[in-house]
Amino acid sequence: MIVTTTNSVEGYRVEEYLGVVAGEVVSGINMFRDIGAGLRNMFGGRSAGYEDEMQSARQECLAEMGRRAEELGANAVIGASLGYETFEGMIMTVASGTAVRIRRDR
């Protein structure tokens, strides 16, 4: 599955547009990571716990979007974008794009 932020894939042409697909992941941060992040916020530094959680959520989100595209018969997602939102101690990650069927140019 090719996933790209661009609206085309070099060397391929879009044969069919199959629709918008998305993947969503809502992650909770455990109490200990939250305490550690709060201390880093006061004293400075990076929060490895939050970074690891966001990286994992991004990978899951893109994989879910890819699975949904495959269910439509797509072999690529173009125009992909990622968004993050926090609420009540949770991180929501959303990936969306257009599922397409592409074929290599001759």
Protein backbone atom coordinates (compact mmCIF):
# COMPACT_ATOMS: atom_id res chain seq x y z
CA MET A 1 0.00 0.00 0.00
CA ILE A 2 1.46 3.34 -1.05
CA VAL A 3 0.49 6.25 1.20
CA THR A 4 1.55 9.74 0.17
CA THR A 5 0.73 13.32 1.11
CA THR A 6 0.88 14.34 -2.54
CA ASN A 7 -2.02 14.09 -4.98
CA SER A 8 -0.16 11.79 -7.32
CA VAL A 9 2.51 9.09 -7.27
CA GLU A 10 5.42 9.62 -9.64
CA GLY A 11 5.53 6.94 -12.31
CA TYR A 12 1.89 5.92 -11.73
CA ARG A 13 -1.45 7.12 -12.93
CA VAL A 14 -4.71 7.07 -11.04
CA GLU A 15 -7.14 4.63 -12.64
CA GLU A 16 -9.97 5.06 -10.15
CA TYR A 17 -10.85 7.23 -7.17
CA LEU A 18 -12.56 5.07 -4.55
CA GLY A 19 -13.40 7.60 -1.84
CA VAL A 20 -12.16 9.23 1.32
CA VAL A 21 -10.72 6.92 3.98
CA ALA A 22 -9.68 7.63 7.55
CA GLY A 23 -8.09 5.94 10.51
CA GLU A 24 -8.64 7.06 14.09
CA VAL A 25 -6.85 6.16 17.30
CA VAL A 26 -7.69 7.52 20.75
CA SER A 27 -4.88 6.91 23.24
CA GLY A 28 -4.76 7.37 26.96
CA ILE A 29 -1.55 8.26 28.73
CA ASN A 30 -1.00 6.40 31.97
CA MET A 31 -0.66 8.23 35.25
CA PHE A 32 3.11 7.76 35.52
CA ARG A 33 3.81 9.11 32.04
CA ASP A 34 1.51 12.04 32.82
CA ILE A 35 3.40 12.84 36.03
CA GLY A 36 6.75 12.60 34.21
CA ALA A 37 5.49 14.87 31.43
CA GLY A 38 4.27 17.39 34.00
CA LEU A 39 7.70 17.49 35.64
CA ARG A 40 9.40 17.93 32.27
CA ASN A 41 6.97 20.74 31.52
CA MET A 42 8.06 22.53 34.71
CA PHE A 43 11.79 21.90 34.37
CA GLY A 44 12.18 21.58 30.61
CA GLY A 45 13.07 18.66 28.40
CA ARG A 46 11.35 16.23 26.11
CA SER A 47 8.64 13.82 27.20
CA ALA A 48 9.72 10.44 25.83
CA GLY A 49 6.52 8.82 27.13
CA TYR A 50 4.27 11.13 25.14
CA GLU A 51 6.52 10.95 22.09
CA ASP A 52 6.45 7.14 22.14
CA GLU A 53 2.67 7.11 22.53
CA MET A 54 2.17 9.55 19.64
CA GLN A 55 4.53 7.58 17.40
CA SER A 56 2.67 4.36 18.14
CA ALA A 57 -0.73 6.03 17.58
CA ARG A 58 0.45 7.47 14.25
CA GLN A 59 1.57 4.04 13.02
CA GLU A 60 -1.70 2.40 14.11
CA CYS A 61 -3.72 5.18 12.53
CA LEU A 62 -1.96 4.93 9.16
CA ALA A 63 -2.31 1.14 9.22
CA GLU A 64 -6.04 1.41 9.93
CA MET A 65 -6.47 3.91 7.09
CA GLY A 66 -4.59 1.52 4.78
CA ARG A 67 -6.81 -1.41 5.78
CA ARG A 68 -9.93 0.62 5.05
CA ALA A 69 -8.52 1.63 1.66
CA GLU A 70 -7.76 -2.01 0.83
CA GLU A 71 -11.36 -2.93 1.71
CA LEU A 72 -12.43 -0.54 -1.06
CA GLY A 73 -10.03 -2.21 -3.51
CA ALA A 74 -7.39 0.52 -3.37
CA ASN A 75 -3.66 0.00 -3.71
CA ALA A 76 -2.74 3.57 -2.66
CA VAL A 77 -3.89 6.52 -0.59
CA ILE A 78 -3.10 9.99 -1.93
CA GLY A 79 -3.47 13.39 -0.27
CA ALA A 80 -2.93 11.83 3.16
CA SER A 81 -2.86 14.06 6.22
CA LEU A 82 -2.46 13.53 9.96
CA GLY A 83 -4.04 15.47 12.78
CA TYR A 84 -3.73 15.37 16.55
CA GLU A 85 -6.10 16.60 19.24
CA THR A 86 -5.94 16.31 23.01
CA PHE A 87 -8.91 16.18 25.36
CA GLU A 88 -9.38 15.04 28.95
CA GLY A 89 -5.94 13.42 29.10
CA MET A 90 -6.44 11.56 25.83
CA ILE A 91 -4.69 12.01 22.49
CA MET A 92 -6.76 11.52 19.34
CA THR A 93 -4.84 10.85 16.14
CA VAL A 94 -6.62 10.96 12.78
CA ALA A 95 -5.24 10.10 9.34
CA SER A 96 -7.28 10.71 6.21
CA GLY A 97 -6.79 10.64 2.47
CA THR A 98 -8.26 9.50 -0.82
CA ALA A 99 -8.25 5.79 -1.61
CA VAL A 100 -7.29 5.17 -5.23
CA ARG A 101 -6.34 2.40 -7.59
CA ILE A 102 -3.13 3.28 -9.40
CA ARG A 103 -1.18 1.65 -12.22
CA ARG A 104 2.43 2.08 -13.26
CA ASP A 105 2.91 4.27 -16.33
CA ARG A 106 4.42 2.59 -19.35
